[in-house]
């Protein structure tokens, strides 16, 4: 995983400790599906730092209390303090010893039920030398396209890291699973992309980009990226809209 500043090494170490324990728990491996920015970064599919651990929870709702039990056993063994937790899903805000780091909080979020159509594959994560089931890149990209606008609709604000990831995925020529997007919003992909384009144009500001990304990238890369991020993402989206739009009969 990319490390923008040496002080972030402590946080990275704690994330890896938790991931190793999860990967060594046969039950958790069978129901948790690794995803999000940390997953993408550890798979060398993304070049930014990420501070949370995100998972999809496969299976029935009845799995929730068992997942919580197994995770909490791991937290206790590692000496992690549970600051807050959700009663509805395995979501935790943890505190680890600071050890000279200004950041000592770790969020673990589990999404249930996963988006319809999400696909997963077994991946060996080299940095921890463990295998976890992870979202495929096409699923990751589709989920990122959804997250940017869906997060705002649900009252959780705007995460410019979603914009950065979309831009990065477009730059690398990654594909996305359009069926996931279409089923989630119940509309065709061209119409969704037009709404996403309009949302970015109207709601993403330089200030929101700067506030969210300045600690996830090294200073030189942040300065090179910050002003190009929005216009280039809009360019990619508009090219994609043209590509996926069905030509009119009189065209």
Protein backbone atom coordinates (compact mmCIF):
# COMPACT_ATOMS: atom_id res chain seq x y z
CA UNK A 1 0.00 0.00 0.00
CA UNK A 2 1.16 3.47 -0.91
CA UNK A 3 2.35 5.52 2.10
CA UNK A 4 2.24 9.32 1.61
CA UNK A 5 3.99 10.20 4.89
CA UNK A 6 6.12 8.20 7.30
CA UNK A 7 3.82 9.08 10.20
CA UNK A 8 1.08 7.03 8.51
CA UNK A 9 3.13 3.84 8.96
CA UNK A 10 1.60 3.19 12.38
CA UNK A 11 -1.93 3.33 11.00
CA UNK A 12 -0.97 1.07 8.12
CA UNK A 13 0.55 -1.44 10.53
CA UNK A 14 -2.63 -1.61 12.58
CA UNK A 15 -4.81 -2.10 9.51
CA UNK A 16 -2.55 -4.94 8.41
CA UNK A 17 -2.67 -6.56 11.85
CA UNK A 18 -6.47 -6.63 11.74
CA UNK A 19 -6.52 -7.90 8.14
CA UNK A 20 -4.11 -10.73 8.96
CA UNK A 21 -6.31 -11.88 11.83
CA UNK A 22 -9.41 -11.75 9.65
CA UNK A 23 -7.64 -13.75 6.93
CA UNK A 24 -6.67 -16.40 9.49
CA UNK A 25 -10.24 -16.77 10.77
CA UNK A 26 -11.87 -19.46 8.62
CA UNK A 27 -15.38 -18.24 9.39
CA UNK A 28 -14.73 -14.56 8.64
CA UNK A 29 -12.97 -15.45 5.38
CA UNK A 30 -16.08 -17.35 4.31
CA UNK A 31 -18.45 -14.39 4.73
CA UNK A 32 -16.42 -11.15 4.44
CA UNK A 33 -15.48 -9.69 1.06
CA UNK A 34 -12.73 -7.07 1.11
CA UNK A 35 -13.39 -3.88 -0.87
CA UNK A 36 -12.81 -0.12 -1.00
CA UNK A 37 -9.73 2.05 -1.27
CA UNK A 38 -7.53 -0.01 1.03
CA UNK A 39 -8.30 -3.16 -0.92
CA UNK A 40 -7.60 -1.45 -4.26
CA UNK A 41 -4.36 0.04 -2.94
CA UNK A 42 -3.13 -3.28 -1.57
CA UNK A 43 -3.85 -4.88 -4.95
CA UNK A 44 -1.85 -2.15 -6.74
CA UNK A 45 -5.02 -0.98 -8.49
CA UNK A 46 -4.86 2.46 -6.84
CA UNK A 47 -2.02 4.80 -5.88
CA UNK A 48 -3.36 6.62 -2.83
CA UNK A 49 -3.38 5.98 0.90
CA UNK A 50 -6.58 4.71 2.52
CA UNK A 51 -7.37 4.69 6.22
CA UNK A 52 -10.43 2.40 6.61
CA UNK A 53 -11.18 -1.30 6.19
CA UNK A 54 -14.34 -1.95 4.19
CA UNK A 55 -16.11 -5.22 3.54
CA UNK A 56 -19.25 -6.65 2.00
CA UNK A 57 -21.01 -9.23 4.14
CA UNK A 58 -22.16 -12.25 2.16
CA UNK A 59 -24.87 -14.57 3.41
CA UNK A 60 -27.97 -13.97 5.51
CA UNK A 61 -28.66 -11.31 8.13
CA UNK A 62 -28.29 -14.03 10.76
CA UNK A 63 -24.55 -13.92 10.11
CA UNK A 64 -24.27 -10.42 11.60
CA UNK A 65 -24.02 -11.36 15.31
CA UNK A 66 -21.53 -14.15 14.57
CA UNK A 67 -19.36 -11.79 12.52
CA UNK A 68 -19.50 -9.26 15.35
CA UNK A 69 -18.44 -11.91 17.86
CA UNK A 70 -15.46 -13.04 15.78
CA UNK A 71 -14.33 -9.48 15.03
CA UNK A 72 -14.59 -8.43 18.67
CA UNK A 73 -12.47 -11.40 19.70
CA UNK A 74 -9.80 -10.17 17.27
CA UNK A 75 -10.00 -6.62 18.61
CA UNK A 76 -9.58 -7.88 22.18
CA UNK A 77 -6.60 -10.04 21.27
CA UNK A 78 -4.91 -7.11 19.51
CA UNK A 79 -5.60 -4.68 22.34
CA UNK A 80 -7.91 -2.45 20.31
CA UNK A 81 -10.48 -0.37 22.15
CA UNK A 82 -14.00 -0.22 20.69
CA UNK A 83 -14.98 3.47 20.84
CA UNK A 84 -18.32 2.97 19.12
CA UNK A 85 -20.19 0.27 17.20
CA UNK A 86 -23.40 -0.21 15.26
CA UNK A 87 -26.00 -2.65 16.52
CA UNK A 88 -27.36 -3.24 13.01
CA UNK A 89 -24.19 -4.23 11.17
CA UNK A 90 -20.52 -4.99 11.92
CA UNK A 91 -19.37 -1.37 11.93
CA UNK A 92 -16.72 -0.25 14.43
CA UNK A 93 -14.74 2.79 15.42
CA UNK A 94 -11.59 1.54 17.12
CA UNK A 95 -8.75 3.16 19.01
CA UNK A 96 -5.22 1.81 18.98
CA UNK A 97 -2.17 2.98 21.00
CA UNK A 98 -0.89 6.24 19.51
CA UNK A 99 2.81 5.36 19.57
CA UNK A 100 3.73 8.88 18.50
CA UNK A 101 1.15 9.07 15.70
CA UNK A 102 -1.39 11.89 15.55
CA UNK A 103 -3.95 9.40 14.18
CA UNK A 104 -5.00 6.51 16.39
CA UNK A 105 -8.53 5.74 15.15
CA UNK A 106 -9.48 2.92 12.80
CA UNK A 107 -12.88 2.47 11.19
CA UNK A 108 -14.11 -0.93 10.07
CA UNK A 109 -17.27 -0.90 7.99
CA UNK A 110 -19.28 -3.84 6.70
CA UNK A 111 -21.97 -3.34 4.08
CA UNK A 112 -25.05 -5.59 4.16
CA UNK A 113 -26.60 -6.68 1.92
CA UNK A 114 -24.03 -6.23 -0.87
CA UNK A 115 -25.10 -4.59 -4.11
CA UNK A 116 -26.80 -6.97 -6.48
CA UNK A 117 -24.37 -8.21 -9.09
CA UNK A 118 -21.18 -7.64 -7.07
CA UNK A 119 -18.51 -10.16 -8.02
CA UNK A 120 -15.52 -11.36 -6.02
CA UNK A 121 -12.28 -13.25 -6.51
CA UNK A 122 -9.68 -14.83 -4.25
CA UNK A 123 -6.59 -12.63 -4.10
CA UNK A 124 -3.27 -13.06 -2.33
CA UNK A 125 -2.48 -9.73 -0.71
CA UNK A 126 1.30 -9.65 -0.94
CA UNK A 127 1.92 -7.17 1.88
CA UNK A 128 0.32 -9.47 4.46
CA UNK A 129 0.88 -12.73 2.51
CA UNK A 130 -2.73 -13.78 3.03
CA UNK A 131 -5.64 -14.64 0.76
CA UNK A 132 -8.96 -12.80 0.99
CA UNK A 133 -11.97 -12.67 -1.29
CA UNK A 134 -12.01 -9.20 -2.84
CA UNK A 135 -14.27 -7.29 -5.17
CA UNK A 136 -13.21 -7.58 -8.80
CA UNK A 137 -11.92 -4.37 -10.39
CA UNK A 138 -15.09 -4.09 -12.49
CA UNK A 139 -17.18 -4.32 -9.32
CA UNK A 140 -14.95 -1.82 -7.51
CA UNK A 141 -15.29 0.69 -10.35
CA UNK A 142 -19.08 0.31 -10.48
CA UNK A 143 -19.32 0.77 -6.70
CA UNK A 144 -17.17 3.91 -6.89
CA UNK A 145 -19.40 5.41 -9.58
CA UNK A 146 -22.40 4.73 -7.33
CA UNK A 147 -20.76 5.91 -4.09
CA UNK A 148 -19.94 9.46 -5.17
CA UNK A 149 -23.58 10.48 -5.65
CA UNK A 150 -25.23 7.91 -3.34
CA UNK A 151 -23.18 9.04 -0.34
CA UNK A 152 -24.48 12.58 -0.87
CA UNK A 153 -28.10 11.45 -1.32
CA UNK A 154 -27.92 9.59 2.00
CA UNK A 155 -26.75 12.73 3.81
CA UNK A 156 -23.13 11.67 4.29
CA UNK A 157 -21.62 14.52 2.32
CA UNK A 158 -19.14 14.35 -0.54
CA UNK A 159 -15.99 12.23 -0.51
CA UNK A 160 -13.57 13.59 -3.08
CA UNK A 161 -11.54 10.40 -2.75
CA UNK A 162 -14.37 8.77 -4.73
CA UNK A 163 -13.76 11.30 -7.48
CA UNK A 164 -10.02 10.62 -7.35
CA UNK A 165 -10.58 6.87 -7.64
CA UNK A 166 -12.98 7.26 -10.58
CA UNK A 167 -10.43 9.46 -12.33
CA UNK A 168 -7.62 6.99 -11.62
CA UNK A 169 -9.66 4.02 -12.87
CA UNK A 170 -10.53 5.85 -16.07
CA UNK A 171 -6.89 6.84 -16.57
CA UNK A 172 -5.83 3.19 -16.32
CA UNK A 173 -8.51 2.01 -18.71
CA UNK A 174 -10.27 -0.19 -16.14
CA UNK A 175 -13.71 -1.46 -17.05
CA UNK A 176 -16.80 -1.25 -14.85
CA UNK A 177 -19.82 -3.53 -14.51
CA UNK A 178 -22.66 -1.40 -15.82
CA UNK A 179 -25.31 -3.90 -14.68
CA UNK A 180 -24.49 -3.19 -11.03
CA UNK A 181 -25.06 0.53 -11.60
CA UNK A 182 -28.20 0.06 -13.68
CA UNK A 183 -29.81 -2.30 -11.18
CA UNK A 184 -28.98 -0.09 -8.21
CA UNK A 185 -30.45 3.11 -9.70
CA UNK A 186 -33.01 1.39 -11.95
CA UNK A 187 -31.93 3.36 -15.02
CA UNK A 188 -29.71 2.81 -18.03
CA UNK A 189 -26.02 3.56 -17.72
CA UNK A 190 -26.06 6.56 -20.08
CA UNK A 191 -28.72 8.35 -18.03
CA UNK A 192 -26.87 7.62 -14.80
CA UNK A 193 -23.56 8.91 -16.17
CA UNK A 194 -25.28 12.12 -17.29
CA UNK A 195 -26.62 12.61 -13.74
CA UNK A 196 -23.18 11.86 -12.31
CA UNK A 197 -21.62 14.37 -14.68
CA UNK A 198 -24.13 17.03 -13.60
CA UNK A 199 -23.59 16.19 -9.92
CA UNK A 200 -19.81 16.57 -10.17
CA UNK A 201 -20.10 19.77 -12.18
CA UNK A 202 -22.44 21.40 -9.65
CA UNK A 203 -21.31 19.99 -6.31
CA UNK A 204 -17.59 19.20 -6.38
CA UNK A 205 -15.50 22.25 -5.56
CA UNK A 206 -11.77 22.79 -5.31
CA UNK A 207 -12.20 23.17 -1.58
CA UNK A 208 -13.84 19.76 -1.15
CA UNK A 209 -11.10 18.19 -3.27
CA UNK A 210 -8.32 19.82 -1.25
CA UNK A 211 -9.81 18.97 2.15
CA UNK A 212 -10.29 15.29 1.38
CA UNK A 213 -7.18 14.46 -0.61
CA UNK A 214 -4.36 16.46 0.96
CA UNK A 215 -3.48 13.72 3.49
CA UNK A 216 -3.99 10.77 1.11
CA UNK A 217 -1.33 11.82 -1.41
CA UNK A 218 2.24 13.10 -1.06
CA UNK A 219 2.48 16.90 -1.38
CA UNK A 220 4.01 16.90 -4.87
CA UNK A 221 1.42 14.51 -6.32
CA UNK A 222 -1.40 16.36 -4.56
CA UNK A 223 -0.35 19.66 -6.14
CA UNK A 224 -0.08 18.11 -9.60
CA UNK A 225 -3.46 16.38 -9.29
CA UNK A 226 -5.76 18.77 -7.45
CA UNK A 227 -6.60 21.23 -10.23
CA UNK A 228 -6.89 18.63 -13.00
CA UNK A 229 -9.04 16.16 -11.11
CA UNK A 230 -12.50 17.62 -11.74
CA UNK A 231 -12.14 18.76 -15.38
CA UNK A 232 -10.44 15.53 -16.45
CA UNK A 233 -13.04 13.36 -14.72
CA UNK A 234 -15.79 15.29 -16.48
CA UNK A 235 -13.94 14.76 -19.75
CA UNK A 236 -13.76 11.00 -19.16
CA UNK A 237 -17.43 10.84 -18.20
CA UNK A 238 -18.55 12.76 -21.26
CA UNK A 239 -16.51 10.51 -23.52
CA UNK A 240 -18.04 7.49 -21.79
CA UNK A 241 -21.56 8.90 -22.19
CA UNK A 242 -20.97 9.15 -25.94
CA UNK A 243 -19.64 5.61 -26.01
CA UNK A 244 -22.58 4.00 -24.20
CA UNK A 245 -25.38 6.10 -25.63
CA UNK A 246 -27.58 4.35 -28.15
CA UNK A 247 -27.48 6.19 -31.49
CA UNK A 248 -30.75 7.68 -32.63
CA UNK A 249 -32.40 6.16 -35.69
CA UNK A 250 -32.10 9.46 -37.57
CA UNK A 251 -28.49 10.05 -36.62
